[in-house]
C-alpha cells in the first residue's frame, strides 16, 4: 500500500475513535446522572377518583428508579446535545476529537491543506442535529436505535466504496479524515 492510500486508510481507526468518544461520554453520562439524581427525583402524576367521584391529580416521587434509569429516561436528549457540541468544537478547534487523537486521525478541508471552517464542523454533525428532535419527541427508542443502525451500515458501505474513505458527512461538508 503506498503512502497516499495509507493517508486515507482511516475506516477502522474512525470506528475505534468513535467508540472511544462514546466511552468518554458514557462515563460522563454516569457522572451527570448521579449528580442529577442528587437534586432531582423523578415524579409521576396519577389521576385519582375519590369516593365522592371527585377526580384529582396526585403527584408523587418515584423512589424505585435508579439514578441511571432516571437520567436515561429524562435527559438522553441533553447528553446527545453535549456530544454533538463536543464533536463540533473539537473538530473545529483541533481537527479531531479525543478518540481521533488516540487513533491518529485528523479531519481537514477536502483540499487536505486547510483546517475545517466552523460551518464545515456543523455540517459534519448535521445527522446528529437532525437526530436530536427525533430523540426528544419520539418515545420509541427502538425505532431510533434501528434508524441510527441503518444509517451507520449505509455509511460504512459508502466509506468502503470510495478511494478516500469519505463518509456521507465528509461529502456533505467537503471534508476528509486522514492519518497523521
N, C-alpha and C. Protein backbone atom coordinates (compact mmCIF):
# COMPACT_ATOMS: atom_id res chain seq x y z
N UNK A 1 0.86 -1.17 0.00
CA UNK A 1 0.00 0.00 0.00
C UNK A 1 0.90 1.24 0.00
N UNK A 2 0.66 2.15 -0.92
CA UNK A 2 1.52 3.33 -0.99
C UNK A 2 1.13 4.37 0.04
N UNK A 3 1.97 5.39 0.19
CA UNK A 3 1.78 6.41 1.23
C UNK A 3 0.48 7.16 1.05
N UNK A 4 0.11 7.45 -0.21
CA UNK A 4 -1.12 8.21 -0.45
C UNK A 4 -2.32 7.42 0.05
N UNK A 5 -2.39 6.13 -0.29
CA UNK A 5 -3.52 5.32 0.17
C UNK A 5 -3.50 5.12 1.68
N UNK A 6 -2.33 5.06 2.29
CA UNK A 6 -2.25 4.92 3.74
C UNK A 6 -2.83 6.13 4.45
N UNK A 7 -2.70 7.30 3.87
CA UNK A 7 -3.28 8.51 4.48
C UNK A 7 -4.80 8.41 4.58
N UNK A 8 -5.43 7.71 3.64
CA UNK A 8 -6.88 7.60 3.62
C UNK A 8 -7.39 6.34 4.33
N UNK A 9 -6.50 5.49 4.76
CA UNK A 9 -6.87 4.25 5.41
C UNK A 9 -7.29 4.53 6.86
N UNK A 10 -8.48 5.08 7.01
CA UNK A 10 -8.95 5.51 8.33
C UNK A 10 -10.23 4.80 8.78
N UNK A 11 -10.73 3.87 7.99
CA UNK A 11 -12.02 3.26 8.29
C UNK A 11 -12.07 2.68 9.70
N UNK A 12 -11.17 1.75 10.00
CA UNK A 12 -11.19 1.11 11.32
C UNK A 12 -10.77 2.09 12.42
N UNK A 13 -9.86 2.96 12.10
CA UNK A 13 -9.43 3.96 13.07
C UNK A 13 -10.59 4.87 13.46
N UNK A 14 -11.42 5.23 12.50
CA UNK A 14 -12.56 6.10 12.79
C UNK A 14 -13.60 5.39 13.65
N UNK A 15 -13.81 4.11 13.39
CA UNK A 15 -14.74 3.33 14.22
C UNK A 15 -14.22 3.25 15.65
N UNK A 16 -12.93 2.96 15.80
CA UNK A 16 -12.33 2.90 17.14
C UNK A 16 -12.39 4.27 17.81
N UNK A 17 -12.13 5.33 17.04
CA UNK A 17 -12.19 6.69 17.59
C UNK A 17 -13.59 7.01 18.09
N UNK A 18 -14.62 6.63 17.33
CA UNK A 18 -15.99 6.89 17.75
C UNK A 18 -16.32 6.09 19.00
N UNK A 19 -15.85 4.86 19.08
CA UNK A 19 -16.06 4.05 20.29
C UNK A 19 -15.40 4.71 21.50
N UNK A 20 -14.19 5.22 21.33
CA UNK A 20 -13.52 5.93 22.43
C UNK A 20 -14.33 7.14 22.86
N UNK A 21 -14.82 7.91 21.88
CA UNK A 21 -15.65 9.08 22.21
C UNK A 21 -16.92 8.66 22.94
N UNK A 22 -17.55 7.55 22.51
CA UNK A 22 -18.75 7.07 23.18
C UNK A 22 -18.45 6.62 24.60
N UNK A 23 -17.32 5.96 24.80
CA UNK A 23 -16.93 5.53 26.15
C UNK A 23 -16.73 6.74 27.05
N UNK A 24 -16.08 7.77 26.53
CA UNK A 24 -15.89 9.01 27.29
C UNK A 24 -17.24 9.58 27.69
N UNK A 25 -18.18 9.62 26.73
CA UNK A 25 -19.49 10.19 27.03
C UNK A 25 -20.35 9.27 27.88
N UNK A 26 -20.16 7.97 27.80
CA UNK A 26 -20.88 7.07 28.71
C UNK A 26 -20.43 7.31 30.14
N UNK A 27 -19.13 7.48 30.33
CA UNK A 27 -18.59 7.79 31.65
C UNK A 27 -19.14 9.14 32.14
N UNK A 28 -19.13 10.13 31.26
CA UNK A 28 -19.69 11.44 31.60
C UNK A 28 -21.17 11.33 31.93
N UNK A 29 -21.87 10.49 31.19
CA UNK A 29 -23.30 10.29 31.42
C UNK A 29 -23.56 9.72 32.81
N UNK A 30 -22.77 8.76 33.24
CA UNK A 30 -22.94 8.17 34.57
C UNK A 30 -22.69 9.23 35.65
N UNK A 31 -21.64 10.02 35.48
CA UNK A 31 -21.34 11.08 36.45
C UNK A 31 -22.48 12.09 36.50
N UNK A 32 -22.93 12.54 35.33
CA UNK A 32 -24.02 13.52 35.29
C UNK A 32 -25.31 12.94 35.85
N UNK A 33 -25.58 11.67 35.56
CA UNK A 33 -26.80 11.07 36.07
C UNK A 33 -26.78 10.99 37.59
N UNK A 34 -25.63 10.72 38.16
CA UNK A 34 -25.52 10.70 39.62
C UNK A 34 -25.76 12.10 40.18
N UNK A 35 -25.15 13.11 39.57
CA UNK A 35 -25.33 14.49 40.04
C UNK A 35 -26.78 14.92 39.92
N UNK A 36 -27.40 14.61 38.77
CA UNK A 36 -28.81 14.97 38.57
C UNK A 36 -29.69 14.28 39.60
N UNK A 37 -29.40 13.03 39.90
CA UNK A 37 -30.23 12.29 40.85
C UNK A 37 -30.16 12.87 42.26
N UNK A 38 -29.08 13.55 42.58
CA UNK A 38 -28.98 14.16 43.90
C UNK A 38 -29.95 15.32 44.07
N UNK A 39 -30.26 15.99 42.97
CA UNK A 39 -31.09 17.19 43.04
C UNK A 39 -32.49 17.02 42.48
N UNK A 40 -32.71 15.98 41.71
CA UNK A 40 -33.97 15.88 41.00
C UNK A 40 -34.48 14.45 41.03
N UNK A 41 -35.50 14.20 41.81
CA UNK A 41 -36.12 12.89 41.84
C UNK A 41 -37.26 12.86 40.82
N UNK A 42 -37.39 11.77 40.08
CA UNK A 42 -38.49 11.70 39.11
C UNK A 42 -39.83 11.69 39.82
N UNK A 43 -40.82 12.23 39.15
CA UNK A 43 -42.17 12.29 39.71
C UNK A 43 -43.16 11.66 38.75
N UNK A 44 -44.24 11.17 39.31
CA UNK A 44 -45.33 10.67 38.49
C UNK A 44 -46.59 11.45 38.84
N UNK A 45 -47.46 11.54 37.86
CA UNK A 45 -48.76 12.19 38.09
C UNK A 45 -49.83 11.13 37.83
N UNK A 46 -50.73 10.98 38.77
CA UNK A 46 -51.80 9.99 38.66
C UNK A 46 -53.14 10.68 38.83
N UNK A 47 -54.08 10.28 37.99
CA UNK A 47 -55.45 10.76 38.14
C UNK A 47 -56.15 9.81 39.11
N UNK A 48 -56.65 10.37 40.21
CA UNK A 48 -57.29 9.57 41.25
C UNK A 48 -58.74 10.02 41.38
N UNK A 49 -59.64 9.04 41.40
CA UNK A 49 -61.07 9.33 41.60
C UNK A 49 -61.38 8.98 43.05
N UNK A 50 -61.81 9.97 43.79
CA UNK A 50 -62.11 9.73 45.21
C UNK A 50 -63.47 9.05 45.34
N UNK A 51 -63.85 8.73 46.59
CA UNK A 51 -65.10 8.03 46.85
C UNK A 51 -66.31 8.85 46.43
N UNK A 52 -66.19 10.17 46.47
CA UNK A 52 -67.33 11.01 46.07
C UNK A 52 -67.25 11.38 44.58
N UNK A 53 -66.53 10.56 43.79
CA UNK A 53 -66.37 10.74 42.34
C UNK A 53 -65.76 12.08 41.95
N UNK A 54 -64.94 12.60 42.82
CA UNK A 54 -64.27 13.86 42.54
C UNK A 54 -62.85 13.55 42.06
N UNK A 55 -62.57 13.79 40.76
CA UNK A 55 -61.23 13.48 40.26
C UNK A 55 -60.19 14.50 40.73
N UNK A 56 -59.03 14.01 41.04
CA UNK A 56 -57.93 14.91 41.38
C UNK A 56 -56.62 14.28 40.92
N UNK A 57 -55.63 15.12 40.75
CA UNK A 57 -54.32 14.65 40.30
C UNK A 57 -53.38 14.63 41.49
N UNK A 58 -52.74 13.48 41.69
CA UNK A 58 -51.75 13.35 42.75
C UNK A 58 -50.36 13.26 42.13
N UNK A 59 -49.44 14.02 42.69
CA UNK A 59 -48.05 13.98 42.24
C UNK A 59 -47.23 13.30 43.33
N UNK A 60 -46.46 12.31 42.93
CA UNK A 60 -45.64 11.61 43.93
C UNK A 60 -44.26 11.33 43.36
N UNK A 61 -43.30 11.22 44.27
CA UNK A 61 -41.94 10.88 43.88
C UNK A 61 -41.86 9.40 43.55
N UNK A 62 -41.02 9.08 42.60
CA UNK A 62 -40.77 7.69 42.26
C UNK A 62 -39.43 7.32 42.87
N UNK A 63 -39.46 6.45 43.84
CA UNK A 63 -38.24 6.10 44.56
C UNK A 63 -37.57 4.85 44.02
N UNK A 64 -38.29 4.06 43.23
CA UNK A 64 -37.71 2.78 42.83
C UNK A 64 -36.87 2.85 41.56
N UNK A 65 -36.74 4.01 40.94
CA UNK A 65 -35.89 4.14 39.76
C UNK A 65 -34.47 4.46 40.18
N UNK A 66 -33.53 3.82 39.56
CA UNK A 66 -32.14 4.13 39.86
C UNK A 66 -31.77 5.45 39.21
N UNK A 67 -30.66 6.05 39.65
CA UNK A 67 -30.25 7.32 39.08
C UNK A 67 -29.91 7.19 37.60
N UNK A 68 -29.38 6.04 37.19
CA UNK A 68 -29.04 5.86 35.78
C UNK A 68 -30.32 5.80 34.94
N UNK A 69 -31.31 5.05 35.40
CA UNK A 69 -32.58 4.97 34.68
C UNK A 69 -33.21 6.34 34.58
N UNK A 70 -33.20 7.09 35.67
CA UNK A 70 -33.77 8.43 35.67
C UNK A 70 -33.10 9.31 34.63
N UNK A 71 -31.78 9.31 34.61
CA UNK A 71 -31.07 10.16 33.65
C UNK A 71 -31.39 9.75 32.22
N UNK A 72 -31.35 8.43 31.93
CA UNK A 72 -31.60 7.99 30.57
C UNK A 72 -33.05 8.25 30.15
N UNK A 73 -33.98 8.15 31.08
CA UNK A 73 -35.37 8.39 30.74
C UNK A 73 -35.63 9.85 30.42
N UNK A 74 -34.99 10.76 31.15
CA UNK A 74 -35.37 12.16 31.05
C UNK A 74 -34.32 13.05 30.39
N UNK A 75 -33.10 12.61 30.29
CA UNK A 75 -32.05 13.53 29.87
C UNK A 75 -31.16 13.03 28.74
N UNK A 76 -31.51 11.94 28.05
CA UNK A 76 -30.65 11.48 26.97
C UNK A 76 -30.57 12.50 25.84
N UNK A 77 -31.59 13.33 25.72
CA UNK A 77 -31.55 14.43 24.75
C UNK A 77 -30.38 15.36 25.05
N UNK A 78 -30.19 15.68 26.32
CA UNK A 78 -29.14 16.63 26.70
C UNK A 78 -27.74 16.05 26.52
N UNK A 79 -27.56 14.78 26.82
CA UNK A 79 -26.23 14.18 26.65
C UNK A 79 -25.91 14.08 25.16
N UNK A 80 -26.92 13.83 24.32
CA UNK A 80 -26.70 13.81 22.87
C UNK A 80 -26.35 15.20 22.37
N UNK A 81 -27.02 16.20 22.90
CA UNK A 81 -26.70 17.58 22.54
C UNK A 81 -25.26 17.92 22.93
N UNK A 82 -24.86 17.52 24.13
CA UNK A 82 -23.47 17.74 24.56
C UNK A 82 -22.48 17.02 23.64
N UNK A 83 -22.82 15.81 23.22
CA UNK A 83 -21.94 15.06 22.33
C UNK A 83 -21.79 15.77 20.99
N UNK A 84 -22.88 16.27 20.45
CA UNK A 84 -22.81 17.00 19.17
C UNK A 84 -21.97 18.25 19.31
N UNK A 85 -22.18 19.00 20.39
CA UNK A 85 -21.36 20.20 20.62
C UNK A 85 -19.89 19.84 20.78
N UNK A 86 -19.62 18.76 21.48
CA UNK A 86 -18.25 18.27 21.65
C UNK A 86 -17.62 17.97 20.29
N UNK A 87 -18.35 17.28 19.41
CA UNK A 87 -17.81 16.94 18.10
C UNK A 87 -17.58 18.19 17.26
N UNK A 88 -18.51 19.13 17.29
CA UNK A 88 -18.35 20.37 16.52
C UNK A 88 -17.14 21.15 17.02
N UNK A 89 -17.05 21.34 18.31
CA UNK A 89 -15.98 22.17 18.89
C UNK A 89 -14.61 21.52 18.70
N UNK A 90 -14.50 20.23 18.99
CA UNK A 90 -13.18 19.59 18.86
C UNK A 90 -12.75 19.49 17.40
N UNK A 91 -13.68 19.21 16.50
CA UNK A 91 -13.31 19.17 15.08
C UNK A 91 -12.92 20.54 14.57
N UNK A 92 -13.61 21.58 15.02
CA UNK A 92 -13.28 22.93 14.55
C UNK A 92 -11.94 23.41 15.09
N UNK A 93 -11.75 23.30 16.40
CA UNK A 93 -10.53 23.85 17.00
C UNK A 93 -9.29 22.97 16.81
N UNK A 94 -9.47 21.65 16.87
CA UNK A 94 -8.31 20.76 16.85
C UNK A 94 -8.24 19.87 15.61
N UNK A 95 -9.34 19.78 14.86
CA UNK A 95 -9.37 18.89 13.71
C UNK A 95 -9.58 17.44 14.10
N UNK A 96 -9.86 17.20 15.37
CA UNK A 96 -10.04 15.83 15.84
C UNK A 96 -10.65 15.83 17.23
N UNK A 97 -11.39 14.76 17.51
CA UNK A 97 -11.93 14.55 18.84
C UNK A 97 -10.89 13.81 19.67
N UNK A 98 -11.19 13.55 20.92
CA UNK A 98 -10.26 12.78 21.76
C UNK A 98 -10.03 11.38 21.19
N UNK A 99 -11.10 10.78 20.68
CA UNK A 99 -10.97 9.46 20.06
C UNK A 99 -10.07 9.49 18.83
N UNK A 100 -10.23 10.51 18.01
CA UNK A 100 -9.38 10.64 16.82
C UNK A 100 -7.94 10.95 17.22
N UNK A 101 -7.75 11.68 18.31
CA UNK A 101 -6.38 11.92 18.80
C UNK A 101 -5.71 10.60 19.15
N UNK A 102 -6.45 9.70 19.79
CA UNK A 102 -5.89 8.40 20.20
C UNK A 102 -5.59 7.50 19.00
N UNK A 103 -6.29 7.70 17.89
CA UNK A 103 -6.11 6.83 16.73
C UNK A 103 -5.37 7.51 15.58
N UNK A 104 -4.82 8.69 15.84
CA UNK A 104 -4.02 9.43 14.85
C UNK A 104 -4.80 9.75 13.57
N UNK A 105 -6.02 10.21 13.74
CA UNK A 105 -6.84 10.64 12.60
C UNK A 105 -7.15 12.11 12.77
N UNK A 106 -7.09 12.84 11.67
CA UNK A 106 -7.36 14.28 11.68
C UNK A 106 -8.39 14.58 10.59
N UNK A 107 -9.32 15.48 10.89
CA UNK A 107 -10.32 15.91 9.91
C UNK A 107 -9.87 17.25 9.35
N UNK A 108 -9.86 17.34 8.03
CA UNK A 108 -9.41 18.56 7.36
C UNK A 108 -10.38 18.93 6.25
N UNK A 109 -10.17 20.10 5.70
CA UNK A 109 -10.88 20.51 4.50
C UNK A 109 -10.54 19.52 3.40
N UNK A 110 -11.40 19.38 2.41
CA UNK A 110 -11.19 18.40 1.34
C UNK A 110 -9.89 18.66 0.57
N UNK A 111 -9.37 19.90 0.62
CA UNK A 111 -8.10 20.19 -0.07
C UNK A 111 -6.90 19.59 0.65
N UNK A 112 -7.12 19.05 1.85
CA UNK A 112 -6.10 18.39 2.68
C UNK A 112 -4.98 19.33 3.12
N UNK A 113 -5.23 20.64 3.03
CA UNK A 113 -4.24 21.63 3.46
C UNK A 113 -4.79 22.46 4.61
N UNK A 114 -5.99 22.97 4.44
CA UNK A 114 -6.54 23.89 5.44
C UNK A 114 -7.42 23.16 6.45
N UNK A 115 -7.56 23.78 7.61
CA UNK A 115 -8.40 23.20 8.66
C UNK A 115 -9.87 23.46 8.35
N UNK A 116 -10.73 22.82 9.11
CA UNK A 116 -12.17 22.96 8.91
C UNK A 116 -12.62 24.37 9.24
N UNK A 117 -13.62 24.84 8.51
CA UNK A 117 -14.31 26.06 8.92
C UNK A 117 -15.37 25.66 9.93
N UNK A 118 -15.92 26.65 10.62
CA UNK A 118 -16.95 26.34 11.62
C UNK A 118 -18.18 25.75 10.94
N UNK A 119 -18.54 26.26 9.76
CA UNK A 119 -19.71 25.72 9.06
C UNK A 119 -19.47 24.27 8.63
N UNK A 120 -18.24 23.93 8.27
CA UNK A 120 -17.94 22.53 7.94
C UNK A 120 -18.06 21.64 9.17
N UNK A 121 -17.63 22.13 10.31
CA UNK A 121 -17.75 21.36 11.55
C UNK A 121 -19.22 21.11 11.88
N UNK A 122 -20.06 22.12 11.65
CA UNK A 122 -21.50 21.95 11.89
C UNK A 122 -22.09 20.97 10.88
N UNK A 123 -21.73 21.12 9.61
CA UNK A 123 -22.25 20.21 8.58
C UNK A 123 -21.87 18.76 8.86
N UNK A 124 -20.67 18.54 9.39
CA UNK A 124 -20.25 17.17 9.72
C UNK A 124 -21.15 16.57 10.81
N UNK A 125 -21.73 17.40 11.64
CA UNK A 125 -22.60 16.93 12.73
C UNK A 125 -24.08 17.05 12.39
N UNK A 126 -24.39 17.29 11.13
CA UNK A 126 -25.78 17.52 10.73
C UNK A 126 -26.68 16.33 11.05
N UNK A 127 -26.19 15.11 10.86
CA UNK A 127 -27.02 13.95 11.18
C UNK A 127 -27.43 13.98 12.65
N UNK A 128 -26.48 14.28 13.52
CA UNK A 128 -26.80 14.37 14.94
C UNK A 128 -27.77 15.50 15.24
N UNK A 129 -27.62 16.61 14.53
CA UNK A 129 -28.51 17.75 14.73
C UNK A 129 -29.93 17.38 14.29
N UNK A 130 -30.06 16.65 13.19
CA UNK A 130 -31.38 16.19 12.74
C UNK A 130 -31.92 15.14 13.71
N UNK A 131 -31.04 14.32 14.24
CA UNK A 131 -31.41 13.23 15.15
C UNK A 131 -31.96 13.75 16.48
N UNK A 132 -31.50 14.92 16.93
CA UNK A 132 -31.90 15.45 18.24
C UNK A 132 -33.40 15.60 18.42
N UNK A 133 -34.11 16.29 17.51
CA UNK A 133 -35.56 16.42 17.72
C UNK A 133 -36.28 15.07 17.70
N UNK A 134 -35.79 14.14 16.88
CA UNK A 134 -36.39 12.81 16.84
C UNK A 134 -36.23 12.15 18.21
N UNK A 135 -35.03 12.26 18.77
CA UNK A 135 -34.76 11.69 20.09
C UNK A 135 -35.64 12.35 21.15
N UNK A 136 -35.84 13.65 21.03
CA UNK A 136 -36.60 14.39 22.04
C UNK A 136 -38.09 14.08 21.96
N UNK A 137 -38.64 14.00 20.75
CA UNK A 137 -40.09 13.87 20.60
C UNK A 137 -40.59 12.45 20.37
N UNK A 138 -39.73 11.58 19.91
CA UNK A 138 -40.17 10.22 19.60
C UNK A 138 -39.88 9.32 20.79
N UNK A 139 -40.91 8.70 21.34
CA UNK A 139 -40.76 7.93 22.57
C UNK A 139 -40.26 6.51 22.34
N UNK A 140 -40.40 6.00 21.14
CA UNK A 140 -39.99 4.62 20.87
C UNK A 140 -38.50 4.58 20.57
N UNK A 141 -37.69 4.31 21.59
CA UNK A 141 -36.24 4.29 21.42
C UNK A 141 -35.78 3.19 20.48
N UNK A 142 -36.53 2.10 20.37
CA UNK A 142 -36.15 1.02 19.46
C UNK A 142 -36.14 1.53 18.02
N UNK A 143 -37.14 2.31 17.65
CA UNK A 143 -37.18 2.90 16.31
C UNK A 143 -35.95 3.76 16.06
N UNK A 144 -35.61 4.59 17.02
CA UNK A 144 -34.45 5.48 16.90
C UNK A 144 -33.17 4.66 16.76
N UNK A 145 -33.02 3.63 17.57
CA UNK A 145 -31.82 2.79 17.52
C UNK A 145 -31.71 2.09 16.17
N UNK A 146 -32.82 1.57 15.66
CA UNK A 146 -32.80 0.90 14.35
C UNK A 146 -32.45 1.90 13.25
N UNK A 147 -33.02 3.10 13.29
CA UNK A 147 -32.72 4.11 12.28
C UNK A 147 -31.25 4.50 12.30
N UNK A 148 -30.68 4.68 13.48
CA UNK A 148 -29.26 5.03 13.60
C UNK A 148 -28.40 3.87 13.09
N UNK A 149 -28.77 2.64 13.41
CA UNK A 149 -28.01 1.48 12.96
C UNK A 149 -28.02 1.37 11.43
N UNK A 150 -29.18 1.57 10.82
CA UNK A 150 -29.28 1.53 9.35
C UNK A 150 -28.42 2.62 8.74
N UNK A 151 -28.47 3.82 9.30
CA UNK A 151 -27.63 4.92 8.81
C UNK A 151 -26.14 4.55 8.93
N UNK A 152 -25.75 3.95 10.04
CA UNK A 152 -24.37 3.54 10.25
C UNK A 152 -23.93 2.52 9.20
N UNK A 153 -24.76 1.53 8.94
CA UNK A 153 -24.43 0.49 7.95
C UNK A 153 -24.30 1.12 6.56
N UNK A 154 -25.25 1.97 6.17
CA UNK A 154 -25.17 2.64 4.87
C UNK A 154 -23.91 3.49 4.76
N UNK A 155 -23.57 4.17 5.84
CA UNK A 155 -22.36 4.99 5.85
C UNK A 155 -21.11 4.13 5.71
N UNK A 156 -21.09 2.96 6.34
CA UNK A 156 -19.95 2.04 6.20
C UNK A 156 -19.80 1.60 4.75
N UNK A 157 -20.91 1.23 4.10
CA UNK A 157 -20.83 0.86 2.68
C UNK A 157 -20.31 2.02 1.84
N UNK A 158 -20.77 3.22 2.16
CA UNK A 158 -20.32 4.39 1.41
C UNK A 158 -18.82 4.61 1.59
N UNK A 159 -18.33 4.49 2.81
CA UNK A 159 -16.90 4.67 3.09
C UNK A 159 -16.07 3.65 2.31
N UNK A 160 -16.52 2.42 2.32
CA UNK A 160 -15.76 1.36 1.65
C UNK A 160 -15.85 1.42 0.13
N UNK A 161 -16.78 2.22 -0.39
CA UNK A 161 -16.98 2.28 -1.84
C UNK A 161 -16.21 3.41 -2.52
N UNK A 162 -15.45 4.21 -1.78
CA UNK A 162 -14.69 5.28 -2.42
C UNK A 162 -13.24 5.26 -1.96
N UNK A 163 -12.36 5.75 -2.80
CA UNK A 163 -10.91 5.62 -2.57
C UNK A 163 -10.42 6.39 -1.35
N UNK A 164 -11.09 7.49 -1.02
CA UNK A 164 -10.61 8.32 0.10
C UNK A 164 -11.37 8.05 1.39
N UNK A 165 -12.19 7.00 1.42
CA UNK A 165 -12.96 6.62 2.61
C UNK A 165 -13.81 7.76 3.15
N UNK A 166 -14.49 8.47 2.28
CA UNK A 166 -15.34 9.58 2.69
C UNK A 166 -16.67 9.07 3.22
N UNK A 167 -17.11 9.64 4.33
CA UNK A 167 -18.44 9.35 4.87
C UNK A 167 -19.45 10.29 4.21
N UNK A 168 -20.74 10.05 4.47
CA UNK A 168 -21.76 10.99 3.99
C UNK A 168 -21.46 12.39 4.51
N UNK A 169 -21.05 12.46 5.79
CA UNK A 169 -20.75 13.76 6.40
C UNK A 169 -19.58 14.44 5.71
N UNK A 170 -18.57 13.67 5.34
CA UNK A 170 -17.42 14.23 4.62
C UNK A 170 -17.84 14.81 3.28
N UNK A 171 -18.65 14.08 2.54
CA UNK A 171 -19.10 14.54 1.23
C UNK A 171 -19.91 15.83 1.38
N UNK A 172 -20.84 15.83 2.32
CA UNK A 172 -21.70 16.99 2.52
C UNK A 172 -20.92 18.21 2.98
N UNK A 173 -19.98 18.02 3.90
CA UNK A 173 -19.22 19.14 4.47
C UNK A 173 -17.95 19.46 3.69
N UNK A 174 -17.66 18.64 2.68
CA UNK A 174 -16.42 18.82 1.90
C UNK A 174 -15.19 18.73 2.80
N UNK A 175 -15.15 17.64 3.57
CA UNK A 175 -14.03 17.38 4.48
C UNK A 175 -13.47 15.99 4.19
N UNK A 176 -12.36 15.70 4.82
CA UNK A 176 -11.74 14.39 4.69
C UNK A 176 -11.04 14.05 6.00
N UNK A 177 -11.07 12.77 6.35
CA UNK A 177 -10.34 12.30 7.54
C UNK A 177 -9.09 11.58 7.05
N UNK A 178 -7.94 12.00 7.55
CA UNK A 178 -6.67 11.41 7.12
C UNK A 178 -5.86 10.99 8.34
N UNK A 179 -4.94 10.07 8.12
CA UNK A 179 -3.99 9.68 9.17
C UNK A 179 -2.92 10.74 9.26
N UNK A 180 -2.45 10.98 10.46
CA UNK A 180 -1.35 11.95 10.60
C UNK A 180 -0.30 11.43 11.55
